[in-house]
């Protein structure tokens, strides 16, 4: 019985943290203007998992006068989009929902991804805590494996966006020549 009491104290002091996988493809990626928001512990916990690309094709376009990257929820068209998978806690998920104006502007939905690099690959060191589903678990995915993660994509877009060039990867300073305007620098609408 003493062991059970100690276990309940440990669990109450160190509660299990449920982590959810998120796929980012735009300004939240490492080296992009909003990545610091994901790394800010005041917003919640974030752990890099792997680089990945979408199994299905999607149109990744740059739109609005602020040159924002949008993943249009139109599977089967566009490119296999590359990005990064992160495991985030509920606090960070809530923050990202707010930041992405979900569900008004973007909708969070499950997407299938092919892992490009697993443990030890790339420039990040992934931590344990991911599975092949959208939640946390006990292993990191291996290169070439298929996983599910949530992505912020949109079904609410201007019809002409479907005619815009699509991209496999987004970089704020990419050769598209379109300068991204940070939220802080935008005029009120």
C-alpha atoms as a PDB file:
ATOM      1  CA  UNK A   1       0.000   0.000   0.000  1.00  0.00           C
ATOM      2  CA  UNK A   2       2.927   2.370   0.697  1.00  0.00           C
ATOM      3  CA  UNK A   3       4.125   1.943  -2.898  1.00  0.00           C
ATOM      4  CA  UNK A   4       0.698   2.947  -4.213  1.00  0.00           C
ATOM      5  CA  UNK A   5       0.741   6.117  -2.100  1.00  0.00           C
ATOM      6  CA  UNK A   6       4.173   7.049  -3.412  1.00  0.00           C
ATOM      7  CA  UNK A   7       3.029   6.402  -6.986  1.00  0.00           C
ATOM      8  CA  UNK A   8       0.012   8.687  -6.581  1.00  0.00           C
ATOM      9  CA  UNK A   9       2.290  11.428  -5.190  1.00  0.00           C
ATOM     10  CA  UNK A  10       4.661  11.055  -8.149  1.00  0.00           C
ATOM     11  CA  UNK A  11       1.766  11.133 -10.645  1.00  0.00           C
ATOM     12  CA  UNK A  12       0.253  14.220  -9.008  1.00  0.00           C
ATOM     13  CA  UNK A  13       3.620  16.014  -8.952  1.00  0.00           C
ATOM     14  CA  UNK A  14       4.629  14.861 -12.467  1.00  0.00           C
ATOM     15  CA  UNK A  15       1.392  14.409 -14.407  1.00  0.00           C
ATOM     16  CA  UNK A  16       1.584  12.749 -17.819  1.00  0.00           C
ATOM     17  CA  UNK A  17       1.633  15.358 -20.557  1.00  0.00           C
ATOM     18  CA  UNK A  18      -0.332  14.446 -23.664  1.00  0.00           C
ATOM     19  CA  UNK A  19       1.543  15.581 -26.751  1.00  0.00           C
ATOM     20  CA  UNK A  20      -0.075  16.103 -30.149  1.00  0.00           C
ATOM     21  CA  UNK A  21       1.765  16.061 -33.473  1.00  0.00           C
ATOM     22  CA  UNK A  22       1.538  19.196 -35.633  1.00  0.00           C
ATOM     23  CA  UNK A  23       2.931  19.581 -39.165  1.00  0.00           C
ATOM     24  CA  UNK A  24       4.164  23.086 -39.997  1.00  0.00           C
ATOM     25  CA  UNK A  25       5.001  24.155 -43.555  1.00  0.00           C
ATOM     26  CA  UNK A  26       5.302  27.953 -43.459  1.00  0.00           C
ATOM     27  CA  UNK A  27       6.312  30.732 -41.105  1.00  0.00           C
ATOM     28  CA  UNK A  28       6.375  28.438 -38.038  1.00  0.00           C
ATOM     29  CA  UNK A  29       9.260  26.310 -39.408  1.00  0.00           C
ATOM     30  CA  UNK A  30      12.784  26.680 -38.063  1.00  0.00           C
ATOM     31  CA  UNK A  31      14.468  29.737 -39.563  1.00  0.00           C
ATOM     32  CA  UNK A  32      11.145  31.394 -40.406  1.00  0.00           C
ATOM     33  CA  UNK A  33       9.695  34.543 -38.790  1.00  0.00           C
ATOM     34  CA  UNK A  34       7.169  32.885 -36.459  1.00  0.00           C
ATOM     35  CA  UNK A  35       9.247  29.901 -35.300  1.00  0.00           C
ATOM     36  CA  UNK A  36      10.091  31.697 -32.048  1.00  0.00           C
ATOM     37  CA  UNK A  37       6.398  31.575 -31.112  1.00  0.00           C
ATOM     38  CA  UNK A  38       6.556  27.775 -31.079  1.00  0.00           C
ATOM     39  CA  UNK A  39       9.745  27.798 -29.012  1.00  0.00           C
ATOM     40  CA  UNK A  40       8.383  30.253 -26.419  1.00  0.00           C
ATOM     41  CA  UNK A  41       7.742  28.164 -23.270  1.00  0.00           C
ATOM     42  CA  UNK A  42       5.146  30.710 -22.162  1.00  0.00           C
ATOM     43  CA  UNK A  43       2.996  29.386 -25.038  1.00  0.00           C
ATOM     44  CA  UNK A  44       3.509  25.718 -24.072  1.00  0.00           C
ATOM     45  CA  UNK A  45       5.851  22.804 -24.740  1.00  0.00           C
ATOM     46  CA  UNK A  46       7.186  21.955 -28.198  1.00  0.00           C
ATOM     47  CA  UNK A  47       9.523  19.163 -29.306  1.00  0.00           C
ATOM     48  CA  UNK A  48      10.864  18.697 -32.833  1.00  0.00           C
ATOM     49  CA  UNK A  49      10.068  15.226 -34.205  1.00  0.00           C
ATOM     50  CA  UNK A  50      11.182  15.053 -37.861  1.00  0.00           C
ATOM     51  CA  UNK A  51      11.202  16.647 -41.284  1.00  0.00           C
ATOM     52  CA  UNK A  52       8.397  15.288 -43.461  1.00  0.00           C
ATOM     53  CA  UNK A  53       6.368  15.780 -46.617  1.00  0.00           C
ATOM     54  CA  UNK A  54       2.718  15.272 -47.357  1.00  0.00           C
ATOM     55  CA  UNK A  55       1.741  11.888 -48.809  1.00  0.00           C
ATOM     56  CA  UNK A  56      -0.978  13.570 -50.874  1.00  0.00           C
ATOM     57  CA  UNK A  57      -0.433  16.643 -53.008  1.00  0.00           C
ATOM     58  CA  UNK A  58      -1.781  19.961 -51.742  1.00  0.00           C
ATOM     59  CA  UNK A  59      -1.638  23.477 -53.158  1.00  0.00           C
ATOM     60  CA  UNK A  60       0.697  25.582 -50.996  1.00  0.00           C
ATOM     61  CA  UNK A  61       0.158  29.143 -52.210  1.00  0.00           C
ATOM     62  CA  UNK A  62       1.277  32.593 -51.138  1.00  0.00           C
ATOM     63  CA  UNK A  63      -1.695  34.937 -50.896  1.00  0.00           C
ATOM     64  CA  UNK A  64      -3.121  38.217 -49.583  1.00  0.00           C
ATOM     65  CA  UNK A  65      -1.348  41.569 -49.573  1.00  0.00           C
ATOM     66  CA  UNK A  66       0.746  40.228 -46.664  1.00  0.00           C
ATOM     67  CA  UNK A  67       2.143  37.291 -48.701  1.00  0.00           C
ATOM     68  CA  UNK A  68       1.033  34.618 -46.235  1.00  0.00           C
ATOM     69  CA  UNK A  69       1.603  30.925 -47.043  1.00  0.00           C
ATOM     70  CA  UNK A  70      -1.666  28.967 -47.155  1.00  0.00           C
ATOM     71  CA  UNK A  71      -2.070  25.229 -47.517  1.00  0.00           C
ATOM     72  CA  UNK A  72      -5.369  24.876 -49.363  1.00  0.00           C
ATOM     73  CA  UNK A  73      -7.353  21.836 -48.264  1.00  0.00           C
ATOM     74  CA  UNK A  74      -7.646  20.479 -51.798  1.00  0.00           C
ATOM     75  CA  UNK A  75      -5.915  17.065 -51.682  1.00  0.00           C
ATOM     76  CA  UNK A  76      -4.702  15.676 -54.990  1.00  0.00           C
ATOM     77  CA  UNK A  77      -3.624  18.989 -56.523  1.00  0.00           C
ATOM     78  CA  UNK A  78      -0.450  21.012 -56.117  1.00  0.00           C
ATOM     79  CA  UNK A  79       2.752  19.579 -54.636  1.00  0.00           C
ATOM     80  CA  UNK A  80       3.976  17.134 -52.010  1.00  0.00           C
ATOM     81  CA  UNK A  81       4.582  19.827 -49.383  1.00  0.00           C
ATOM     82  CA  UNK A  82       7.635  19.616 -47.117  1.00  0.00           C
ATOM     83  CA  UNK A  83       7.760  20.819 -43.541  1.00  0.00           C
ATOM     84  CA  UNK A  84       8.455  19.857 -39.955  1.00  0.00           C
ATOM     85  CA  UNK A  85       6.602  17.726 -37.419  1.00  0.00           C
ATOM     86  CA  UNK A  86       6.492  18.870 -33.801  1.00  0.00           C
ATOM     87  CA  UNK A  87       4.930  17.342 -30.707  1.00  0.00           C
ATOM     88  CA  UNK A  88       3.105  19.996 -28.709  1.00  0.00           C
ATOM     89  CA  UNK A  89       1.252  19.974 -25.397  1.00  0.00           C
ATOM     90  CA  UNK A  90      -2.348  21.147 -24.990  1.00  0.00           C
ATOM     91  CA  UNK A  91      -1.290  24.658 -23.996  1.00  0.00           C
ATOM     92  CA  UNK A  92       0.746  25.060 -27.213  1.00  0.00           C
ATOM     93  CA  UNK A  93      -2.058  23.503 -29.271  1.00  0.00           C
ATOM     94  CA  UNK A  94      -4.487  26.055 -27.823  1.00  0.00           C
ATOM     95  CA  UNK A  95      -1.995  28.837 -28.569  1.00  0.00           C
ATOM     96  CA  UNK A  96      -1.531  27.640 -32.173  1.00  0.00           C
ATOM     97  CA  UNK A  97      -5.304  27.455 -32.644  1.00  0.00           C
ATOM     98  CA  UNK A  98      -5.468  31.087 -31.528  1.00  0.00           C
ATOM     99  CA  UNK A  99      -2.442  32.133 -33.611  1.00  0.00           C
ATOM    100  CA  UNK A 100      -3.803  30.425 -36.750  1.00  0.00           C
ATOM    101  CA  UNK A 101      -7.300  31.824 -36.105  1.00  0.00           C
ATOM    102  CA  UNK A 102      -8.743  28.314 -36.072  1.00  0.00           C
ATOM    103  CA  UNK A 103     -11.412  27.495 -37.168  1.00  0.00           C
ATOM    104  CA  UNK A 104     -12.322  30.797 -38.882  1.00  0.00           C
ATOM    105  CA  UNK A 105      -9.229  31.241 -41.083  1.00  0.00           C
ATOM    106  CA  UNK A 106      -7.514  27.856 -40.873  1.00  0.00           C
ATOM    107  CA  UNK A 107      -8.946  24.499 -39.924  1.00  0.00           C
ATOM    108  CA  UNK A 108      -6.911  21.925 -38.011  1.00  0.00           C
ATOM    109  CA  UNK A 109      -7.215  18.505 -39.640  1.00  0.00           C
ATOM    110  CA  UNK A 110      -5.311  15.222 -39.764  1.00  0.00           C
ATOM    111  CA  UNK A 111      -2.921  14.675 -42.615  1.00  0.00           C
ATOM    112  CA  UNK A 112      -0.745  11.719 -43.649  1.00  0.00           C
ATOM    113  CA  UNK A 113       3.003  12.422 -43.871  1.00  0.00           C
ATOM    114  CA  UNK A 114       6.111  10.610 -45.043  1.00  0.00           C
ATOM    115  CA  UNK A 115       9.000  11.101 -42.620  1.00  0.00           C
ATOM    116  CA  UNK A 116      12.105  12.422 -44.391  1.00  0.00           C
ATOM    117  CA  UNK A 117      14.499  11.968 -41.490  1.00  0.00           C
ATOM    118  CA  UNK A 118      14.090  10.263 -38.172  1.00  0.00           C
ATOM    119  CA  UNK A 119      16.264  10.090 -35.080  1.00  0.00           C
ATOM    120  CA  UNK A 120      19.648  11.632 -35.706  1.00  0.00           C
ATOM    121  CA  UNK A 121      18.654  13.000 -39.113  1.00  0.00           C
ATOM    122  CA  UNK A 122      18.688  16.674 -39.973  1.00  0.00           C
ATOM    123  CA  UNK A 123      19.955  19.423 -37.717  1.00  0.00           C
ATOM    124  CA  UNK A 124      17.533  18.839 -34.829  1.00  0.00           C
ATOM    125  CA  UNK A 125      17.702  16.177 -32.158  1.00  0.00           C
ATOM    126  CA  UNK A 126      14.253  14.634 -31.821  1.00  0.00           C
ATOM    127  CA  UNK A 127      13.093  13.531 -28.397  1.00  0.00           C
ATOM    128  CA  UNK A 128      10.966  10.566 -27.525  1.00  0.00           C
ATOM    129  CA  UNK A 129       7.271  11.117 -27.321  1.00  0.00           C
ATOM    130  CA  UNK A 130       5.832  10.530 -30.782  1.00  0.00           C
ATOM    131  CA  UNK A 131       3.998   7.639 -32.381  1.00  0.00           C
ATOM    132  CA  UNK A 132       2.543   7.001 -35.790  1.00  0.00           C
ATOM    133  CA  UNK A 133      -0.696   8.667 -34.690  1.00  0.00           C
ATOM    134  CA  UNK A 134      -1.397  12.308 -33.953  1.00  0.00           C
ATOM    135  CA  UNK A 135      -0.742  12.020 -30.194  1.00  0.00           C
ATOM    136  CA  UNK A 136       2.366  11.355 -28.139  1.00  0.00           C
ATOM    137  CA  UNK A 137       3.917   7.973 -27.536  1.00  0.00           C
ATOM    138  CA  UNK A 138       7.141   6.168 -26.914  1.00  0.00           C
ATOM    139  CA  UNK A 139       9.195   6.352 -30.119  1.00  0.00           C
ATOM    140  CA  UNK A 140      10.224   8.694 -32.877  1.00  0.00           C
ATOM    141  CA  UNK A 141       9.320   7.790 -36.460  1.00  0.00           C
ATOM    142  CA  UNK A 142      11.972   6.431 -38.806  1.00  0.00           C
ATOM    143  CA  UNK A 143      12.846   7.905 -42.196  1.00  0.00           C
ATOM    144  CA  UNK A 144      10.470   6.576 -44.848  1.00  0.00           C
ATOM    145  CA  UNK A 145       7.716   5.772 -42.357  1.00  0.00           C
ATOM    146  CA  UNK A 146       4.225   7.198 -42.637  1.00  0.00           C
ATOM    147  CA  UNK A 147       2.695   9.147 -39.750  1.00  0.00           C
ATOM    148  CA  UNK A 148      -0.373  11.259 -39.041  1.00  0.00           C
ATOM    149  CA  UNK A 149      -0.228  14.780 -37.682  1.00  0.00           C
ATOM    150  CA  UNK A 150      -2.520  17.767 -37.529  1.00  0.00           C
ATOM    151  CA  UNK A 151      -2.027  20.578 -40.022  1.00  0.00           C
ATOM    152  CA  UNK A 152      -3.512  24.040 -40.312  1.00  0.00           C
ATOM    153  CA  UNK A 153      -4.982  24.246 -43.802  1.00  0.00           C
ATOM    154  CA  UNK A 154      -7.887  26.231 -45.166  1.00  0.00           C
ATOM    155  CA  UNK A 155     -11.129  25.538 -46.976  1.00  0.00           C
ATOM    156  CA  UNK A 156     -12.000  29.239 -46.912  1.00  0.00           C
ATOM    157  CA  UNK A 157     -10.046  30.985 -49.653  1.00  0.00           C
ATOM    158  CA  UNK A 158     -10.604  33.170 -52.673  1.00  0.00           C
ATOM    159  CA  UNK A 159     -11.361  31.126 -55.835  1.00  0.00           C
ATOM    160  CA  UNK A 160      -8.451  32.742 -57.715  1.00  0.00           C
ATOM    161  CA  UNK A 161      -6.007  31.270 -55.179  1.00  0.00           C
ATOM    162  CA  UNK A 162      -6.382  27.942 -57.024  1.00  0.00           C
ATOM    163  CA  UNK A 163      -4.753  29.645 -60.031  1.00  0.00           C
ATOM    164  CA  UNK A 164      -1.701  30.832 -58.064  1.00  0.00           C
ATOM    165  CA  UNK A 165       1.663  29.074 -58.355  1.00  0.00           C
ATOM    166  CA  UNK A 166       2.039  26.200 -55.872  1.00  0.00           C
ATOM    167  CA  UNK A 167       5.154  25.443 -53.877  1.00  0.00           C
ATOM    168  CA  UNK A 168       6.713  22.290 -52.471  1.00  0.00           C
ATOM    169  CA  UNK A 169       8.383  24.249 -49.714  1.00  0.00           C
ATOM    170  CA  UNK A 170       7.957  27.719 -48.227  1.00  0.00           C
ATOM    171  CA  UNK A 171      10.773  30.031 -47.239  1.00  0.00           C
ATOM    172  CA  UNK A 172      10.104  33.651 -46.328  1.00  0.00           C
ATOM    173  CA  UNK A 173      13.199  34.646 -48.311  1.00  0.00           C
ATOM    174  CA  UNK A 174      12.593  32.194 -51.153  1.00  0.00           C
ATOM    175  CA  UNK A 175      12.962  32.843 -54.848  1.00  0.00           C
ATOM    176  CA  UNK A 176       9.236  33.682 -55.110  1.00  0.00           C
ATOM    177  CA  UNK A 177      10.209  37.313 -54.434  1.00  0.00           C
ATOM    178  CA  UNK A 178       7.184  37.964 -52.191  1.00  0.00           C
ATOM    179  CA  UNK A 179       8.015  39.669 -48.894  1.00  0.00           C
ATOM    180  CA  UNK A 180       6.077  38.207 -45.949  1.00  0.00           C
ATOM    181  CA  UNK A 181       4.589  40.867 -43.678  1.00  0.00           C
ATOM    182  CA  UNK A 182       4.628  39.919 -39.983  1.00  0.00           C
ATOM    183  CA  UNK A 183       1.437  40.403 -37.973  1.00  0.00           C
ATOM    184  CA  UNK A 184       3.068  43.153 -35.938  1.00  0.00           C
ATOM    185  CA  UNK A 185       3.792  45.102 -39.137  1.00  0.00           C
ATOM    186  CA  UNK A 186       0.329  44.827 -40.700  1.00  0.00           C
ATOM    187  CA  UNK A 187      -2.137  47.675 -40.826  1.00  0.00           C
ATOM    188  CA  UNK A 188      -5.432  47.107 -39.007  1.00  0.00           C
ATOM    189  CA  UNK A 189      -8.163  45.742 -41.258  1.00  0.00           C
END
